[in-house]
Amino acid sequence: MITDIKPEDVPWVLSLAHQRYHSFDPGGALVALTSAMHELSAIAWRTPHAFLVATIVRPLWNPNRPECHVLALCAEAGHHWEAARLLRQSREWAIDKQCARWWFWSETEHRIGALAERVGAKLGAERYLIDFMEG
């Protein structure tokens, strides 16, 4: 069952995020999560063992073609099916909000290709990175 993340769920969300992704800023995560919980153009959902946060972005080059960006997807070990369910539902939410695109990516060591393909996504645009915090 998918439900909205409520204030009483926040400690669980932050704890799970810390378990699965050790290098994250809990203060920044809390601000982003709280914002998503209150914005009409964002979602913050959970299942018993996973959560997802997504928002609608209006690109500068085409503000009339909004995009859904999945900002966070996190699941307890062995509960990838709940993650897939959240992704699928976020895709439906994006369609309902008349988004032109739905984006999902990962900046972690976890491979997400199988989950993305499970909901019908295909590999999108290239991304390049300069990480000023790394060596």
N, C-alpha and C. Protein backbone atom coordinates (compact mmCIF):
# COMPACT_ATOMS: atom_id res chain seq x y z
N MET A 1 0.84 -1.18 0.00
CA MET A 1 0.00 0.00 0.00
C MET A 1 0.88 1.25 0.00
N ILE A 2 0.60 2.18 -0.89
CA ILE A 2 1.33 3.43 -0.99
C ILE A 2 0.56 4.51 -0.25
N THR A 3 1.27 5.23 0.62
CA THR A 3 0.66 6.34 1.36
C THR A 3 1.58 7.55 1.31
N ASP A 4 1.04 8.71 1.63
CA ASP A 4 1.86 9.91 1.75
C ASP A 4 2.77 9.76 2.96
N ILE A 5 3.96 10.32 2.85
CA ILE A 5 4.85 10.38 4.01
C ILE A 5 4.28 11.43 4.95
N LYS A 6 4.13 11.06 6.19
CA LYS A 6 3.59 11.96 7.21
C LYS A 6 4.72 12.38 8.15
N PRO A 7 4.52 13.44 8.93
CA PRO A 7 5.58 13.88 9.84
C PRO A 7 6.11 12.76 10.74
N GLU A 8 5.26 11.86 11.19
CA GLU A 8 5.72 10.78 12.06
C GLU A 8 6.57 9.74 11.32
N ASP A 9 6.56 9.79 9.97
CA ASP A 9 7.38 8.88 9.16
C ASP A 9 8.79 9.40 8.93
N VAL A 10 9.02 10.68 9.16
CA VAL A 10 10.30 11.31 8.83
C VAL A 10 11.50 10.62 9.50
N PRO A 11 11.44 10.28 10.80
CA PRO A 11 12.59 9.57 11.38
C PRO A 11 12.91 8.26 10.65
N TRP A 12 11.89 7.51 10.27
CA TRP A 12 12.10 6.27 9.53
C TRP A 12 12.74 6.55 8.17
N VAL A 13 12.24 7.56 7.45
CA VAL A 13 12.78 7.92 6.14
C VAL A 13 14.26 8.27 6.26
N LEU A 14 14.60 9.14 7.20
CA LEU A 14 15.99 9.55 7.36
C LEU A 14 16.88 8.39 7.80
N SER A 15 16.36 7.54 8.66
CA SER A 15 17.12 6.38 9.12
C SER A 15 17.38 5.41 7.96
N LEU A 16 16.36 5.13 7.16
CA LEU A 16 16.52 4.24 6.01
C LEU A 16 17.50 4.84 5.01
N ALA A 17 17.38 6.13 4.74
CA ALA A 17 18.30 6.78 3.81
C ALA A 17 19.74 6.67 4.31
N HIS A 18 19.93 6.83 5.60
CA HIS A 18 21.28 6.73 6.17
C HIS A 18 21.81 5.29 6.08
N GLN A 19 20.95 4.31 6.31
CA GLN A 19 21.35 2.90 6.20
C GLN A 19 21.80 2.56 4.79
N ARG A 20 21.04 3.01 3.82
CA ARG A 20 21.29 2.61 2.44
C ARG A 20 22.30 3.50 1.72
N TYR A 21 22.35 4.79 2.09
CA TYR A 21 23.22 5.75 1.42
C TYR A 21 23.95 6.55 2.49
N HIS A 22 25.13 6.13 2.84
CA HIS A 22 25.84 6.70 3.98
C HIS A 22 26.23 8.16 3.80
N SER A 23 26.50 8.58 2.60
CA SER A 23 26.95 9.96 2.41
C SER A 23 25.80 10.83 1.93
N PHE A 24 25.01 11.28 2.87
CA PHE A 24 23.96 12.23 2.54
C PHE A 24 23.87 13.24 3.67
N ASP A 25 23.33 14.39 3.38
CA ASP A 25 23.19 15.47 4.36
C ASP A 25 21.81 15.37 4.99
N PRO A 26 21.71 14.91 6.25
CA PRO A 26 20.38 14.75 6.85
C PRO A 26 19.61 16.06 6.97
N GLY A 27 20.32 17.17 7.22
CA GLY A 27 19.63 18.46 7.30
C GLY A 27 19.04 18.85 5.96
N GLY A 28 19.84 18.74 4.91
CA GLY A 28 19.35 19.05 3.57
C GLY A 28 18.23 18.11 3.14
N ALA A 29 18.39 16.84 3.49
CA ALA A 29 17.36 15.85 3.16
C ALA A 29 16.05 16.20 3.87
N LEU A 30 16.14 16.62 5.11
CA LEU A 30 14.95 16.98 5.87
C LEU A 30 14.24 18.18 5.25
N VAL A 31 15.00 19.17 4.83
CA VAL A 31 14.40 20.35 4.18
C VAL A 31 13.70 19.95 2.88
N ALA A 32 14.39 19.15 2.05
CA ALA A 32 13.79 18.73 0.77
C ALA A 32 12.56 17.86 1.00
N LEU A 33 12.65 16.95 1.95
CA LEU A 33 11.51 16.07 2.23
C LEU A 33 10.32 16.86 2.74
N THR A 34 10.55 17.77 3.67
CA THR A 34 9.46 18.59 4.23
C THR A 34 8.81 19.42 3.14
N SER A 35 9.63 19.97 2.25
CA SER A 35 9.09 20.75 1.14
C SER A 35 8.22 19.88 0.25
N ALA A 36 8.71 18.70 -0.11
CA ALA A 36 7.95 17.79 -0.98
C ALA A 36 6.64 17.36 -0.33
N MET A 37 6.63 17.26 0.98
CA MET A 37 5.41 16.83 1.68
C MET A 37 4.31 17.89 1.61
N HIS A 38 4.68 19.14 1.30
CA HIS A 38 3.70 20.22 1.31
C HIS A 38 3.43 20.86 -0.04
N GLU A 39 4.21 20.52 -1.04
CA GLU A 39 4.06 21.13 -2.37
C GLU A 39 3.05 20.36 -3.21
N LEU A 40 2.23 21.08 -3.94
CA LEU A 40 1.28 20.42 -4.86
C LEU A 40 2.00 19.85 -6.08
N SER A 41 3.20 20.39 -6.36
CA SER A 41 3.95 19.92 -7.52
C SER A 41 5.01 18.88 -7.14
N ALA A 42 4.83 18.24 -6.00
CA ALA A 42 5.77 17.21 -5.56
C ALA A 42 5.02 16.10 -4.86
N ILE A 43 5.67 14.94 -4.76
CA ILE A 43 5.11 13.83 -4.01
C ILE A 43 6.17 13.28 -3.06
N ALA A 44 5.71 12.81 -1.94
CA ALA A 44 6.56 12.13 -0.95
C ALA A 44 5.73 10.95 -0.48
N TRP A 45 6.05 9.77 -1.01
CA TRP A 45 5.26 8.57 -0.76
C TRP A 45 6.09 7.49 -0.11
N ARG A 46 5.39 6.58 0.56
CA ARG A 46 6.07 5.45 1.16
C ARG A 46 5.22 4.20 1.08
N THR A 47 5.89 3.09 1.24
CA THR A 47 5.27 1.79 1.44
C THR A 47 5.82 1.31 2.78
N PRO A 48 5.50 0.13 3.23
CA PRO A 48 6.08 -0.32 4.50
C PRO A 48 7.61 -0.40 4.50
N HIS A 49 8.24 -0.56 3.33
CA HIS A 49 9.69 -0.77 3.30
C HIS A 49 10.44 0.08 2.29
N ALA A 50 9.81 1.12 1.75
CA ALA A 50 10.46 1.96 0.75
C ALA A 50 9.82 3.34 0.72
N PHE A 51 10.56 4.31 0.16
CA PHE A 51 9.97 5.64 -0.03
C PHE A 51 10.47 6.24 -1.34
N LEU A 52 9.73 7.23 -1.82
CA LEU A 52 10.05 7.94 -3.06
C LEU A 52 9.68 9.41 -2.89
N VAL A 53 10.54 10.28 -3.42
CA VAL A 53 10.26 11.71 -3.47
C VAL A 53 10.47 12.15 -4.92
N ALA A 54 9.51 12.87 -5.46
CA ALA A 54 9.60 13.36 -6.84
C ALA A 54 9.00 14.76 -6.90
N THR A 55 9.40 15.50 -7.92
CA THR A 55 8.89 16.85 -8.09
C THR A 55 8.71 17.16 -9.57
N ILE A 56 7.91 18.15 -9.83
CA ILE A 56 7.72 18.62 -11.20
C ILE A 56 8.65 19.80 -11.43
N VAL A 57 9.38 19.73 -12.53
CA VAL A 57 10.33 20.77 -12.92
C VAL A 57 9.86 21.35 -14.24
N ARG A 58 9.98 22.65 -14.37
CA ARG A 58 9.65 23.32 -15.63
C ARG A 58 10.96 23.84 -16.24
N PRO A 59 11.49 23.12 -17.24
CA PRO A 59 12.78 23.52 -17.82
C PRO A 59 12.74 24.94 -18.40
N LEU A 60 13.83 25.66 -18.24
CA LEU A 60 13.90 27.03 -18.76
C LEU A 60 13.66 27.08 -20.26
N TRP A 61 14.15 26.09 -20.98
CA TRP A 61 14.06 26.10 -22.43
C TRP A 61 12.68 25.71 -22.94
N ASN A 62 11.84 25.16 -22.07
CA ASN A 62 10.49 24.79 -22.48
C ASN A 62 9.58 24.67 -21.26
N PRO A 63 9.22 25.79 -20.65
CA PRO A 63 8.44 25.74 -19.41
C PRO A 63 7.03 25.18 -19.57
N ASN A 64 6.55 25.09 -20.80
CA ASN A 64 5.22 24.54 -21.03
C ASN A 64 5.23 23.02 -21.16
N ARG A 65 6.42 22.42 -21.00
CA ARG A 65 6.54 20.95 -21.05
C ARG A 65 7.16 20.49 -19.72
N PRO A 66 6.35 20.44 -18.66
CA PRO A 66 6.90 20.05 -17.36
C PRO A 66 7.44 18.63 -17.37
N GLU A 67 8.40 18.40 -16.48
CA GLU A 67 9.02 17.08 -16.34
C GLU A 67 8.90 16.64 -14.89
N CYS A 68 8.75 15.35 -14.69
CA CYS A 68 8.77 14.78 -13.36
C CYS A 68 10.19 14.25 -13.11
N HIS A 69 10.79 14.68 -12.02
CA HIS A 69 12.11 14.20 -11.63
C HIS A 69 11.99 13.42 -10.33
N VAL A 70 12.34 12.16 -10.38
CA VAL A 70 12.39 11.35 -9.15
C VAL A 70 13.67 11.74 -8.43
N LEU A 71 13.53 12.37 -7.29
CA LEU A 71 14.68 12.88 -6.55
C LEU A 71 15.29 11.83 -5.63
N ALA A 72 14.45 10.98 -5.10
CA ALA A 72 14.94 9.95 -4.17
C ALA A 72 14.05 8.73 -4.25
N LEU A 73 14.69 7.59 -4.26
CA LEU A 73 14.01 6.30 -4.15
C LEU A 73 14.89 5.45 -3.26
N CYS A 74 14.32 4.93 -2.21
CA CYS A 74 15.11 4.16 -1.26
C CYS A 74 14.24 3.02 -0.73
N ALA A 75 14.81 1.83 -0.68
CA ALA A 75 14.09 0.66 -0.19
C ALA A 75 14.98 -0.16 0.72
N GLU A 76 14.37 -0.79 1.68
CA GLU A 76 15.10 -1.71 2.53
C GLU A 76 15.60 -2.87 1.66
N ALA A 77 16.70 -3.48 2.06
CA ALA A 77 17.26 -4.60 1.32
C ALA A 77 16.19 -5.67 1.12
N GLY A 78 16.10 -6.19 -0.09
CA GLY A 78 15.13 -7.24 -0.40
C GLY A 78 13.73 -6.75 -0.71
N HIS A 79 13.53 -5.44 -0.75
CA HIS A 79 12.18 -4.89 -1.00
C HIS A 79 12.14 -4.05 -2.28
N HIS A 80 12.90 -4.50 -3.29
CA HIS A 80 12.93 -3.77 -4.56
C HIS A 80 11.58 -3.75 -5.26
N TRP A 81 10.72 -4.71 -4.98
CA TRP A 81 9.39 -4.71 -5.62
C TRP A 81 8.56 -3.53 -5.13
N GLU A 82 8.75 -3.14 -3.87
CA GLU A 82 8.06 -1.95 -3.38
C GLU A 82 8.61 -0.70 -4.07
N ALA A 83 9.92 -0.68 -4.30
CA ALA A 83 10.52 0.44 -5.03
C ALA A 83 9.94 0.52 -6.44
N ALA A 84 9.81 -0.62 -7.10
CA ALA A 84 9.23 -0.63 -8.45
C ALA A 84 7.78 -0.15 -8.43
N ARG A 85 7.04 -0.53 -7.42
CA ARG A 85 5.65 -0.08 -7.30
C ARG A 85 5.58 1.44 -7.15
N LEU A 86 6.48 2.00 -6.32
CA LEU A 86 6.52 3.45 -6.14
C LEU A 86 6.89 4.15 -7.45
N LEU A 87 7.86 3.61 -8.17
CA LEU A 87 8.24 4.20 -9.45
C LEU A 87 7.08 4.18 -10.44
N ARG A 88 6.41 3.05 -10.52
CA ARG A 88 5.28 2.92 -11.44
C ARG A 88 4.19 3.94 -11.10
N GLN A 89 3.91 4.10 -9.82
CA GLN A 89 2.87 5.04 -9.40
C GLN A 89 3.31 6.48 -9.66
N SER A 90 4.60 6.77 -9.49
CA SER A 90 5.08 8.13 -9.77
C SER A 90 4.96 8.44 -11.26
N ARG A 91 5.17 7.43 -12.08
CA ARG A 91 4.99 7.58 -13.52
C ARG A 91 3.54 7.94 -13.85
N GLU A 92 2.61 7.25 -13.20
CA GLU A 92 1.19 7.55 -13.41
C GLU A 92 0.84 8.95 -12.93
N TRP A 93 1.43 9.35 -11.79
CA TRP A 93 1.21 10.70 -11.26
C TRP A 93 1.71 11.73 -12.27
N ALA A 94 2.89 11.49 -12.86
CA ALA A 94 3.45 12.41 -13.84
C ALA A 94 2.55 12.52 -15.08
N ILE A 95 2.00 11.41 -15.51
CA ILE A 95 1.07 11.44 -16.65
C ILE A 95 -0.15 12.25 -16.29
N ASP A 96 -0.68 12.03 -15.10
CA ASP A 96 -1.86 12.76 -14.63
C ASP A 96 -1.58 14.27 -14.54
N LYS A 97 -0.36 14.63 -14.21
CA LYS A 97 0.03 16.05 -14.11
C LYS A 97 0.47 16.62 -15.46
N GLN A 98 0.28 15.85 -16.52
CA GLN A 98 0.59 16.24 -17.90
C GLN A 98 2.06 16.57 -18.11
N CYS A 99 2.92 15.80 -17.47
CA CYS A 99 4.36 15.95 -17.68
C CYS A 99 4.75 15.39 -19.04
N ALA A 100 5.68 16.06 -19.68
CA ALA A 100 6.17 15.61 -20.98
C ALA A 100 7.22 14.51 -20.81
N ARG A 101 7.92 14.53 -19.68
CA ARG A 101 8.97 13.54 -19.42
C ARG A 101 8.96 13.13 -17.96
N TRP A 102 9.51 11.94 -17.73
CA TRP A 102 9.70 11.38 -16.38
C TRP A 102 11.15 10.94 -16.30
N TRP A 103 11.89 11.45 -15.33
CA TRP A 103 13.32 11.15 -15.20
C TRP A 103 13.60 10.43 -13.89
N PHE A 104 14.48 9.44 -13.96
CA PHE A 104 14.94 8.70 -12.79
C PHE A 104 16.41 8.39 -13.00
N TRP A 105 17.24 8.76 -12.04
CA TRP A 105 18.68 8.49 -12.14
C TRP A 105 19.21 8.22 -10.74
N SER A 106 20.44 7.79 -10.69
CA SER A 106 21.07 7.51 -9.40
C SER A 106 22.47 8.07 -9.38
N GLU A 107 22.81 8.67 -8.28
CA GLU A 107 24.18 9.15 -8.06
C GLU A 107 24.81 8.34 -6.93
N THR A 108 24.41 7.10 -6.84
CA THR A 108 24.93 6.19 -5.82
C THR A 108 25.58 5.00 -6.52
N GLU A 109 26.10 4.10 -5.73
CA GLU A 109 26.71 2.89 -6.29
C GLU A 109 25.67 1.85 -6.69
N HIS A 110 24.42 2.09 -6.39
CA HIS A 110 23.36 1.12 -6.69
C HIS A 110 22.96 1.21 -8.16
N ARG A 111 22.81 0.05 -8.77
CA ARG A 111 22.40 -0.02 -10.18
C ARG A 111 20.88 0.08 -10.24
N ILE A 112 20.38 0.92 -11.11
CA ILE A 112 18.94 1.16 -11.17
C ILE A 112 18.32 0.78 -12.51
N GLY A 113 19.13 0.32 -13.44
CA GLY A 113 18.64 0.03 -14.79
C GLY A 113 17.46 -0.93 -14.81
N ALA A 114 17.54 -2.01 -14.05
CA ALA A 114 16.45 -2.99 -14.05
C ALA A 114 15.16 -2.40 -13.51
N LEU A 115 15.25 -1.57 -12.47
CA LEU A 115 14.05 -0.93 -11.93
C LEU A 115 13.45 0.04 -12.95
N ALA A 116 14.30 0.85 -13.56
CA ALA A 116 13.83 1.82 -14.54
C ALA A 116 13.16 1.13 -15.72
N GLU A 117 13.78 0.08 -16.21
CA GLU A 117 13.21 -0.65 -17.34
C GLU A 117 11.90 -1.33 -16.96
N ARG A 118 11.80 -1.74 -15.71
CA ARG A 118 10.57 -2.41 -15.22
C ARG A 118 9.34 -1.52 -15.37
N VAL A 119 9.54 -0.19 -15.29
CA VAL A 119 8.40 0.73 -15.41
C VAL A 119 8.32 1.36 -16.80
N GLY A 120 9.14 0.85 -17.73
CA GLY A 120 9.05 1.31 -19.11
C GLY A 120 10.02 2.42 -19.49
N ALA A 121 10.96 2.75 -18.63
CA ALA A 121 11.93 3.81 -18.95
C ALA A 121 13.06 3.24 -19.79
N LYS A 122 13.67 4.12 -20.57
CA LYS A 122 14.84 3.74 -21.34
C LYS A 122 15.96 4.73 -21.02
N LEU A 123 17.18 4.33 -21.31
CA LEU A 123 18.32 5.17 -21.03
C LEU A 123 18.17 6.50 -21.75
N GLY A 124 18.31 7.60 -21.00
CA GLY A 124 18.09 8.94 -21.56
C GLY A 124 19.38 9.65 -21.90
N ALA A 125 19.38 10.92 -21.71
CA ALA A 125 20.49 11.79 -22.08
C ALA A 125 21.75 11.49 -21.28
N GLU A 126 22.88 11.77 -21.92
CA GLU A 126 24.15 11.64 -21.21
C GLU A 126 24.26 12.72 -20.15
N ARG A 127 24.96 12.39 -19.07
CA ARG A 127 25.24 13.38 -18.03
C ARG A 127 26.73 13.35 -17.76
N TYR A 128 27.31 14.51 -17.58
CA TYR A 128 28.74 14.61 -17.28
C TYR A 128 28.90 15.27 -15.92
N LEU A 129 30.00 14.97 -15.25
CA LEU A 129 30.16 15.39 -13.87
C LEU A 129 31.60 15.81 -13.58
N ILE A 130 31.73 16.87 -12.82
CA ILE A 130 32.97 17.21 -12.16
C ILE A 130 32.63 17.21 -10.67
N ASP A 131 33.24 16.31 -9.92
CA ASP A 131 32.98 16.22 -8.49
C ASP A 131 34.09 16.92 -7.74
N PHE A 132 33.85 18.13 -7.28
CA PHE A 132 34.85 18.94 -6.61
C PHE A 132 35.16 18.44 -5.19
N MET A 133 34.33 17.56 -4.67
CA MET A 133 34.52 17.03 -3.33
C MET A 133 35.38 15.75 -3.33
N GLU A 134 35.59 15.18 -4.48
CA GLU A 134 36.35 13.94 -4.60
C GLU A 134 37.82 14.25 -4.89
N GLY A 135 38.70 13.54 -4.24
CA GLY A 135 40.15 13.58 -4.39
C GLY A 135 40.68 14.61 -5.26
